[in-house]
C-alpha cells in the first residue's frame, strides 16, 4: 500500500520531495538563462543563478545521502 507508514515509503517521500525541489529550482535557472533581460527584480542574474544552484546542490546532496546510507 503506497500510503502505508513505513521506512521505505518515508525514504521515497523524502527522495520525491528533493527531486521536486531540484526540478523547481532547475526551471528557475532555465528561466534566468533564457530570459535574463526579462527578470527585472534580479539585476544580478548570475548571482540569482548561483543561489538557485546552491539550493539544487543541497537537495542533490540529500539524495546522495539517502542512497548511500539508507
N, C-alpha and C. Protein backbone atom coordinates (compact mmCIF):
# COMPACT_ATOMS: atom_id res chain seq x y z
N UNK A 1 0.84 -1.18 0.00
CA UNK A 1 0.00 0.00 0.00
C UNK A 1 0.89 1.24 0.00
N UNK A 2 0.67 2.15 -0.94
CA UNK A 2 1.54 3.31 -1.13
C UNK A 2 1.50 4.28 0.03
N UNK A 3 0.40 4.37 0.74
CA UNK A 3 0.29 5.33 1.83
C UNK A 3 0.63 4.73 3.19
N UNK A 4 1.13 3.52 3.18
CA UNK A 4 1.49 2.86 4.43
C UNK A 4 2.67 3.60 5.08
N UNK A 5 2.59 3.72 6.38
CA UNK A 5 3.63 4.42 7.15
C UNK A 5 4.75 3.44 7.47
N UNK A 6 5.75 3.40 6.58
CA UNK A 6 6.88 2.51 6.83
C UNK A 6 8.17 3.16 6.32
N UNK A 7 9.25 2.53 6.65
CA UNK A 7 10.59 3.07 6.34
C UNK A 7 10.76 3.36 4.85
N UNK A 8 10.44 2.40 4.00
CA UNK A 8 10.65 2.58 2.56
C UNK A 8 9.81 3.72 2.00
N UNK A 9 8.57 3.83 2.44
CA UNK A 9 7.72 4.91 1.95
C UNK A 9 8.19 6.27 2.43
N UNK A 10 8.71 6.33 3.65
CA UNK A 10 9.23 7.60 4.16
C UNK A 10 10.47 8.02 3.38
N UNK A 11 11.35 7.06 3.11
CA UNK A 11 12.55 7.37 2.32
C UNK A 11 12.15 7.82 0.92
N UNK A 12 11.20 7.13 0.31
CA UNK A 12 10.75 7.51 -1.03
C UNK A 12 10.12 8.89 -1.02
N UNK A 13 9.36 9.21 0.01
CA UNK A 13 8.75 10.53 0.11
C UNK A 13 9.82 11.62 0.21
N UNK A 14 10.88 11.35 0.96
CA UNK A 14 11.97 12.33 1.06
C UNK A 14 12.68 12.50 -0.28
N UNK A 15 12.87 11.40 -0.99
CA UNK A 15 13.50 11.47 -2.32
C UNK A 15 12.62 12.25 -3.29
N UNK A 16 11.34 11.97 -3.28
CA UNK A 16 10.41 12.67 -4.17
C UNK A 16 10.38 14.16 -3.86
N UNK A 17 10.41 14.49 -2.59
CA UNK A 17 10.43 15.89 -2.16
C UNK A 17 11.67 16.60 -2.70
N UNK A 18 12.83 15.97 -2.52
CA UNK A 18 14.09 16.56 -3.01
C UNK A 18 14.08 16.70 -4.52
N UNK A 19 13.60 15.68 -5.23
CA UNK A 19 13.56 15.73 -6.70
C UNK A 19 12.62 16.83 -7.18
N UNK A 20 11.52 17.03 -6.48
CA UNK A 20 10.60 18.09 -6.86
C UNK A 20 11.24 19.46 -6.71
N UNK A 21 11.97 19.65 -5.62
CA UNK A 21 12.65 20.94 -5.42
C UNK A 21 13.77 21.14 -6.44
N UNK A 22 14.47 20.07 -6.77
CA UNK A 22 15.50 20.17 -7.81
C UNK A 22 14.87 20.61 -9.12
N UNK A 23 13.77 19.99 -9.49
CA UNK A 23 13.09 20.35 -10.75
C UNK A 23 12.65 21.82 -10.73
N UNK A 24 12.10 22.26 -9.61
CA UNK A 24 11.64 23.64 -9.48
C UNK A 24 12.79 24.64 -9.65
N UNK A 25 13.88 24.40 -8.94
CA UNK A 25 15.00 25.34 -8.99
C UNK A 25 15.78 25.24 -10.29
N UNK A 26 15.80 24.07 -10.90
CA UNK A 26 16.42 23.93 -12.22
C UNK A 26 15.63 24.73 -13.25
N UNK A 27 14.31 24.73 -13.12
CA UNK A 27 13.49 25.53 -14.03
C UNK A 27 13.77 27.01 -13.84
N UNK A 28 13.95 27.44 -12.59
CA UNK A 28 14.30 28.85 -12.35
C UNK A 28 15.59 29.21 -13.07
N UNK A 29 16.59 28.31 -13.01
CA UNK A 29 17.86 28.56 -13.71
C UNK A 29 17.61 28.66 -15.21
N UNK A 30 16.78 27.78 -15.76
CA UNK A 30 16.48 27.83 -17.19
C UNK A 30 15.83 29.16 -17.57
N UNK A 31 14.93 29.65 -16.73
CA UNK A 31 14.28 30.93 -17.00
C UNK A 31 15.33 32.04 -17.01
N UNK A 32 16.22 32.05 -16.03
CA UNK A 32 17.28 33.06 -16.00
C UNK A 32 18.17 32.97 -17.23
N UNK A 33 18.51 31.76 -17.62
CA UNK A 33 19.42 31.59 -18.76
C UNK A 33 18.77 32.01 -20.09
N UNK A 34 17.49 31.76 -20.22
CA UNK A 34 16.82 32.02 -21.49
C UNK A 34 16.18 33.40 -21.57
N UNK A 35 15.95 34.03 -20.40
CA UNK A 35 15.22 35.28 -20.41
C UNK A 35 15.77 36.23 -19.36
N UNK A 36 17.08 36.36 -19.29
CA UNK A 36 17.71 37.16 -18.25
C UNK A 36 17.26 38.61 -18.28
N UNK A 37 17.05 39.17 -19.45
CA UNK A 37 16.65 40.57 -19.55
C UNK A 37 15.25 40.80 -19.01
N UNK A 38 14.43 39.78 -19.00
CA UNK A 38 13.05 39.92 -18.57
C UNK A 38 12.83 39.70 -17.08
N UNK A 39 13.91 39.49 -16.34
CA UNK A 39 13.79 39.25 -14.91
C UNK A 39 14.19 40.53 -14.19
N UNK A 40 13.23 41.43 -14.03
CA UNK A 40 13.51 42.76 -13.51
C UNK A 40 13.91 42.81 -12.06
N UNK A 41 13.37 41.93 -11.22
CA UNK A 41 13.69 42.01 -9.79
C UNK A 41 15.06 41.42 -9.46
N UNK A 42 15.77 40.89 -10.45
CA UNK A 42 17.10 40.34 -10.23
C UNK A 42 18.11 41.01 -11.17
N UNK A 43 18.61 42.17 -10.75
CA UNK A 43 19.58 42.84 -11.63
C UNK A 43 20.87 42.06 -11.80
N UNK A 44 21.26 41.27 -10.81
CA UNK A 44 22.45 40.43 -10.91
C UNK A 44 22.00 39.00 -11.19
N UNK A 45 21.81 38.71 -12.46
CA UNK A 45 21.28 37.40 -12.87
C UNK A 45 22.23 36.28 -12.47
N UNK A 46 23.52 36.49 -12.61
CA UNK A 46 24.46 35.43 -12.27
C UNK A 46 24.40 35.10 -10.78
N UNK A 47 24.22 36.10 -9.94
CA UNK A 47 24.08 35.85 -8.51
C UNK A 47 22.80 35.07 -8.23
N UNK A 48 21.73 35.42 -8.93
CA UNK A 48 20.46 34.72 -8.76
C UNK A 48 20.61 33.25 -9.18
N UNK A 49 21.32 33.00 -10.29
CA UNK A 49 21.56 31.63 -10.75
C UNK A 49 22.39 30.88 -9.71
N UNK A 50 23.40 31.54 -9.17
CA UNK A 50 24.25 30.91 -8.17
C UNK A 50 23.43 30.47 -6.95
N UNK A 51 22.51 31.30 -6.52
CA UNK A 51 21.65 30.94 -5.38
C UNK A 51 20.79 29.72 -5.71
N UNK A 52 20.26 29.68 -6.92
CA UNK A 52 19.46 28.52 -7.33
C UNK A 52 20.31 27.26 -7.37
N UNK A 53 21.54 27.36 -7.86
CA UNK A 53 22.43 26.20 -7.93
C UNK A 53 22.78 25.68 -6.54
N UNK A 54 22.94 26.59 -5.58
CA UNK A 54 23.22 26.17 -4.21
C UNK A 54 22.06 25.38 -3.64
N UNK A 55 20.85 25.80 -3.94
CA UNK A 55 19.67 25.08 -3.46
C UNK A 55 19.61 23.70 -4.12
N UNK A 56 19.86 23.66 -5.43
CA UNK A 56 19.87 22.37 -6.14
C UNK A 56 20.92 21.44 -5.53
N UNK A 57 22.09 21.97 -5.26
CA UNK A 57 23.17 21.16 -4.68
C UNK A 57 22.77 20.59 -3.32
N UNK A 58 22.07 21.39 -2.52
CA UNK A 58 21.63 20.93 -1.20
C UNK A 58 20.69 19.73 -1.32
N UNK A 59 19.72 19.83 -2.23
CA UNK A 59 18.79 18.71 -2.41
C UNK A 59 19.46 17.52 -3.07
N UNK A 60 20.40 17.79 -3.97
CA UNK A 60 21.16 16.70 -4.60
C UNK A 60 21.95 15.94 -3.54
N UNK A 61 22.56 16.68 -2.63
CA UNK A 61 23.30 16.05 -1.54
C UNK A 61 22.39 15.17 -0.68
N UNK A 62 21.18 15.65 -0.42
CA UNK A 62 20.23 14.85 0.35
C UNK A 62 19.94 13.52 -0.36
N UNK A 63 19.75 13.58 -1.67
CA UNK A 63 19.50 12.35 -2.42
C UNK A 63 20.68 11.39 -2.32
N UNK A 64 21.89 11.92 -2.44
CA UNK A 64 23.07 11.07 -2.36
C UNK A 64 23.20 10.43 -0.98
N UNK A 65 22.92 11.19 0.07
CA UNK A 65 22.99 10.64 1.43
C UNK A 65 21.95 9.55 1.61
N UNK A 66 20.74 9.81 1.15
CA UNK A 66 19.68 8.78 1.27
C UNK A 66 20.08 7.51 0.53
N UNK A 67 20.62 7.66 -0.68
CA UNK A 67 21.02 6.49 -1.46
C UNK A 67 22.18 5.73 -0.82
N UNK A 68 23.12 6.47 -0.27
CA UNK A 68 24.32 5.81 0.28
C UNK A 68 24.07 5.17 1.64
N UNK A 69 23.31 5.83 2.49
CA UNK A 69 23.20 5.37 3.87
C UNK A 69 21.86 4.72 4.24
N UNK A 70 20.87 4.89 3.38
CA UNK A 70 19.54 4.35 3.71
C UNK A 70 18.97 3.56 2.58
